[in-house]
N, C-alpha and C. Protein backbone atom coordinates (compact mmCIF):
# COMPACT_ATOMS: atom_id res chain seq x y z
N MET A 1 190.22 15.54 -19.45
CA MET A 1 191.05 14.63 -20.30
C MET A 1 191.11 15.77 -21.64
N THR A 2 192.14 15.88 -22.52
CA THR A 2 192.39 17.50 -23.58
C THR A 2 191.34 16.74 -24.54
N LEU A 3 191.04 17.42 -24.98
CA LEU A 3 190.05 17.51 -26.58
C LEU A 3 190.67 16.53 -27.23
N ARG A 4 191.90 16.64 -27.87
CA ARG A 4 193.21 16.00 -28.07
C ARG A 4 193.20 14.36 -28.29
N ARG A 5 193.54 14.23 -26.48
CA ARG A 5 193.62 13.03 -25.78
C ARG A 5 192.42 11.79 -26.57
N GLU A 6 191.00 13.18 -26.18
CA GLU A 6 189.89 12.40 -26.09
C GLU A 6 189.08 11.83 -27.56
N ILE A 7 190.33 12.31 -29.29
CA ILE A 7 189.83 12.12 -30.09
C ILE A 7 190.92 10.82 -30.34
N ASN A 8 191.90 10.71 -29.73
CA ASN A 8 192.71 9.74 -29.81
C ASN A 8 192.35 8.75 -29.40
N GLU A 9 191.53 8.85 -28.00
CA GLU A 9 190.86 7.62 -27.36
C GLU A 9 189.92 7.27 -27.98
N GLN A 10 188.68 8.25 -28.86
CA GLN A 10 187.33 7.63 -29.62
C GLN A 10 188.22 6.79 -31.03
N SER A 11 188.95 7.72 -31.60
CA SER A 11 190.04 6.44 -33.28
C SER A 11 190.41 5.18 -32.56
N LYS A 12 190.42 4.94 -31.56
CA LYS A 12 191.39 3.76 -30.84
C LYS A 12 190.47 2.65 -31.01
N GLU A 13 189.19 3.35 -30.19
CA GLU A 13 188.32 2.60 -30.10
C GLU A 13 187.04 1.87 -31.42
N ILE A 14 187.42 2.93 -31.98
CA ILE A 14 186.56 3.00 -33.82
C ILE A 14 187.83 1.80 -34.32
N ASP A 15 188.56 2.04 -34.23
CA ASP A 15 189.62 1.55 -35.11
C ASP A 15 189.47 -0.36 -34.61
N MET A 16 189.29 -0.15 -33.32
CA MET A 16 189.07 -1.93 -33.13
C MET A 16 187.98 -2.37 -33.32
N THR A 17 187.24 -1.60 -32.97
CA THR A 17 185.42 -2.18 -32.69
C THR A 17 185.49 -2.53 -34.86
N ASN A 18 185.75 -1.62 -35.80
CA ASN A 18 185.64 -1.75 -37.01
C ASN A 18 186.17 -2.91 -37.76
N GLY A 19 187.18 -3.54 -36.81
CA GLY A 19 188.52 -4.15 -37.88
C GLY A 19 188.64 -4.15 -39.11
N LEU A 20 188.61 -2.75 -39.61
CA LEU A 20 189.43 -2.21 -40.81
C LEU A 20 190.65 -2.49 -40.70
N PHE A 21 191.41 -3.18 -41.46
CA PHE A 21 193.00 -3.56 -41.80
C PHE A 21 193.63 -3.58 -43.23
N THR A 22 194.14 -2.97 -43.45
CA THR A 22 195.13 -2.74 -44.76
C THR A 22 195.86 -2.44 -45.26
N PRO A 23 196.63 -3.91 -45.08
CA PRO A 23 198.08 -4.08 -45.11
C PRO A 23 198.04 -3.96 -46.72
N ARG A 24 199.70 -3.86 -46.71
CA ARG A 24 200.23 -3.80 -48.53
C ARG A 24 200.42 -4.74 -48.89
N LYS A 25 199.76 -5.38 -50.54
CA LYS A 25 199.71 -6.67 -50.61
C LYS A 25 201.08 -7.39 -50.92
N SER A 26 202.34 -6.13 -51.05
CA SER A 26 203.27 -6.88 -51.51
C SER A 26 204.54 -5.87 -50.47
N ALA A 27 205.71 -6.13 -50.05
CA ALA A 27 207.04 -5.52 -49.23
C ALA A 27 206.61 -4.56 -50.77
N SER A 28 207.63 -4.27 -52.26
CA SER A 28 207.26 -4.14 -53.13
C SER A 28 206.14 -2.95 -54.02
N SER A 29 205.05 -3.38 -53.15
CA SER A 29 203.85 -2.59 -53.37
C SER A 29 203.46 -1.53 -52.46
N ASN A 30 202.80 -0.41 -53.29
CA ASN A 30 201.53 0.64 -52.70
C ASN A 30 200.27 0.05 -53.06
N ASP A 31 199.81 -1.00 -53.46
CA ASP A 31 198.65 -1.44 -53.22
C ASP A 31 198.16 -2.35 -52.41
N ARG A 32 197.03 -2.18 -51.89
CA ARG A 32 196.57 -2.88 -50.41
C ARG A 32 195.03 -3.00 -50.99
N TYR A 33 194.86 -4.13 -49.58
CA TYR A 33 194.13 -5.16 -49.36
C TYR A 33 193.30 -4.36 -48.34
N GLU A 34 191.97 -4.29 -48.55
CA GLU A 34 190.57 -3.92 -47.55
C GLU A 34 190.24 -5.08 -46.72
N MET A 35 190.56 -5.40 -46.15
CA MET A 35 190.23 -6.90 -44.65
C MET A 35 189.30 -6.44 -43.26
N LYS A 36 188.72 -7.47 -42.94
CA LYS A 36 187.74 -6.96 -42.39
C LYS A 36 188.48 -8.26 -41.35
N LEU A 37 188.56 -7.53 -40.14
CA LEU A 37 189.36 -8.47 -38.84
C LEU A 37 188.61 -8.52 -37.86
N ASN A 38 188.36 -9.91 -37.25
CA ASN A 38 187.60 -10.27 -35.71
C ASN A 38 188.90 -9.74 -34.91
N ALA A 39 188.18 -9.40 -33.84
CA ALA A 39 188.76 -8.56 -32.46
C ALA A 39 189.89 -9.69 -32.39
N GLU A 40 190.10 -11.55 -32.25
CA GLU A 40 190.89 -11.95 -32.15
C GLU A 40 191.97 -11.32 -32.87
N ASP A 41 191.94 -11.83 -34.67
CA ASP A 41 192.86 -10.95 -35.12
C ASP A 41 193.21 -9.56 -34.92
N MET A 42 192.52 -8.76 -34.98
CA MET A 42 192.72 -7.46 -34.61
C MET A 42 194.06 -7.27 -33.50
N ALA A 43 193.86 -8.14 -32.16
CA ALA A 43 194.88 -8.24 -31.52
C ALA A 43 195.62 -8.11 -31.66
N HIS A 44 196.08 -9.31 -32.62
CA HIS A 44 197.84 -9.30 -33.10
C HIS A 44 198.11 -7.99 -34.45
N VAL A 45 197.54 -6.80 -34.77
CA VAL A 45 198.17 -6.05 -35.23
C VAL A 45 198.18 -4.86 -34.24
N ARG A 46 199.50 -4.54 -34.71
CA ARG A 46 200.27 -3.50 -33.74
C ARG A 46 201.21 -2.54 -34.76
N ARG A 47 201.50 -1.78 -33.71
CA ARG A 47 203.14 -1.22 -34.28
C ARG A 47 204.56 -1.65 -33.93
N GLY A 48 205.42 -1.99 -34.28
CA GLY A 48 206.51 -2.38 -34.48
C GLY A 48 207.22 -3.49 -35.68
N ARG A 49 207.28 -4.65 -34.60
CA ARG A 49 208.20 -5.75 -35.25
C ARG A 49 206.94 -6.60 -34.91
N TRP A 50 206.10 -7.60 -35.91
CA TRP A 50 205.01 -8.30 -35.27
C TRP A 50 205.20 -9.26 -36.14
N LYS A 51 204.31 -10.41 -36.53
CA LYS A 51 204.13 -11.57 -37.64
C LYS A 51 203.02 -12.36 -37.27
N ALA A 52 201.24 -12.17 -37.97
CA ALA A 52 200.53 -13.40 -37.64
C ALA A 52 200.40 -13.73 -38.48
N ASP A 53 199.09 -14.41 -38.07
CA ASP A 53 198.37 -15.38 -39.65
C ASP A 53 196.79 -14.84 -39.02
N ILE A 54 195.90 -13.89 -40.03
CA ILE A 54 194.93 -13.51 -39.92
C ILE A 54 193.64 -14.43 -41.07
N THR A 55 192.53 -13.69 -41.11
CA THR A 55 191.50 -14.44 -41.93
C THR A 55 191.14 -13.38 -41.99
N ASP A 56 190.59 -12.51 -43.24
CA ASP A 56 189.65 -11.44 -43.54
C ASP A 56 188.22 -12.09 -43.64
N GLN A 57 187.41 -11.81 -43.12
CA GLN A 57 186.46 -11.81 -42.65
C GLN A 57 185.40 -11.80 -43.81
N ASN A 58 185.98 -10.83 -44.63
CA ASN A 58 184.56 -10.94 -45.76
C ASN A 58 184.83 -11.50 -46.30
N THR A 59 186.46 -12.72 -46.77
CA THR A 59 186.47 -13.46 -48.04
C THR A 59 186.79 -14.99 -47.33
N GLY A 60 187.27 -15.19 -45.84
CA GLY A 60 187.68 -16.19 -45.25
C GLY A 60 188.69 -16.40 -45.73
N LYS A 61 189.52 -15.61 -46.58
CA LYS A 61 191.29 -15.88 -47.15
C LYS A 61 191.46 -15.99 -45.44
N ARG A 62 192.80 -16.59 -45.11
CA ARG A 62 193.78 -16.57 -44.70
C ARG A 62 194.88 -15.81 -45.42
N TYR A 63 195.83 -14.93 -44.11
CA TYR A 63 197.08 -14.81 -44.66
C TYR A 63 198.35 -14.22 -43.65
N THR A 64 199.65 -14.69 -44.00
CA THR A 64 200.45 -14.20 -43.07
C THR A 64 200.96 -12.85 -42.94
N VAL A 65 200.51 -12.07 -42.38
CA VAL A 65 201.34 -10.45 -42.27
C VAL A 65 202.14 -10.48 -41.40
N ARG A 66 202.89 -8.91 -41.52
CA ARG A 66 204.21 -8.79 -40.64
C ARG A 66 204.03 -7.04 -40.49
N GLY A 67 204.62 -6.64 -39.39
CA GLY A 67 204.53 -5.21 -39.32
C GLY A 67 205.35 -4.95 -40.08
N ALA A 68 206.08 -4.05 -40.86
CA ALA A 68 206.59 -2.65 -42.14
C ALA A 68 206.86 -1.62 -41.70
N ALA A 69 207.84 -1.47 -41.90
CA ALA A 69 208.29 0.73 -42.44
C ALA A 69 207.68 0.97 -43.21
N CYS A 70 206.37 2.63 -42.69
CA CYS A 70 205.86 3.45 -43.64
C CYS A 70 206.95 3.95 -44.32
N SER A 71 206.77 5.21 -44.68
CA SER A 71 207.83 5.86 -45.52
C SER A 71 208.36 6.93 -45.03
N ALA A 72 208.37 7.12 -43.39
CA ALA A 72 208.96 7.74 -42.55
C ALA A 72 209.85 6.93 -41.99
N PRO A 73 211.58 7.79 -41.70
CA PRO A 73 212.57 7.11 -41.42
C PRO A 73 212.07 6.24 -40.27
N ARG A 74 212.71 5.09 -39.85
CA ARG A 74 212.90 4.61 -38.59
C ARG A 74 211.11 4.01 -38.15
N CYS A 75 210.06 4.27 -38.58
CA CYS A 75 208.44 4.22 -38.84
C CYS A 75 208.15 2.42 -39.09
N LEU A 76 207.93 2.25 -38.00
CA LEU A 76 207.14 0.74 -38.32
C LEU A 76 205.90 0.46 -37.86
N CYS A 77 205.11 1.41 -38.97
CA CYS A 77 203.55 1.35 -38.07
C CYS A 77 202.76 0.67 -39.28
N ASP A 78 203.17 0.30 -40.35
CA ASP A 78 202.12 -0.11 -41.11
C ASP A 78 202.69 -1.65 -40.92
N ALA A 79 201.76 -2.17 -42.26
CA ALA A 79 202.20 -4.07 -42.71
C ALA A 79 201.96 -4.68 -43.37
N VAL A 80 202.51 -5.64 -43.88
CA VAL A 80 202.64 -5.77 -45.49
C VAL A 80 201.74 -7.40 -45.21
N VAL A 81 201.64 -7.97 -46.34
CA VAL A 81 200.94 -9.42 -46.28
C VAL A 81 202.19 -9.71 -47.32
N VAL A 82 202.74 -11.46 -46.05
CA VAL A 82 203.96 -11.55 -46.41
C VAL A 82 203.64 -12.94 -47.11
N LYS A 83 202.18 -13.38 -47.18
CA LYS A 83 201.69 -15.16 -47.49
C LYS A 83 200.57 -14.91 -47.77
N GLU A 84 199.59 -15.77 -48.85
CA GLU A 84 198.45 -16.26 -48.44
C GLU A 84 198.21 -17.47 -48.37
N LEU A 85 197.65 -17.88 -47.05
CA LEU A 85 197.53 -18.96 -46.61
C LEU A 85 197.02 -20.36 -47.43
N VAL A 86 196.79 -21.35 -47.71
CA VAL A 86 195.77 -22.16 -48.33
C VAL A 86 195.60 -22.86 -47.36
N CYS A 87 193.90 -22.97 -47.05
CA CYS A 87 193.57 -23.61 -46.12
C CYS A 87 192.39 -24.91 -46.84
N ASN A 88 193.01 -25.64 -46.30
CA ASN A 88 192.36 -27.11 -46.93
C ASN A 88 190.94 -27.94 -46.22
């Protein structure tokens, strides 16, 4: 295994076990939330077109989030909060 591939594999493992998720607060904002996700919610987060309801483990708040474009052309590696869900 090459060193670069080994580092990439380690990074993926750390990201998935850490559960840190930093979506933009809105489509027109560069401000970001810092959320901690459980493994089930983290499994929904990926590149490309996706949408999921997730729970921030630090605050208990629920959000609908979706995949979003970053600043690179035709790249969908970012995420944005669509709305905060009201829990009754």
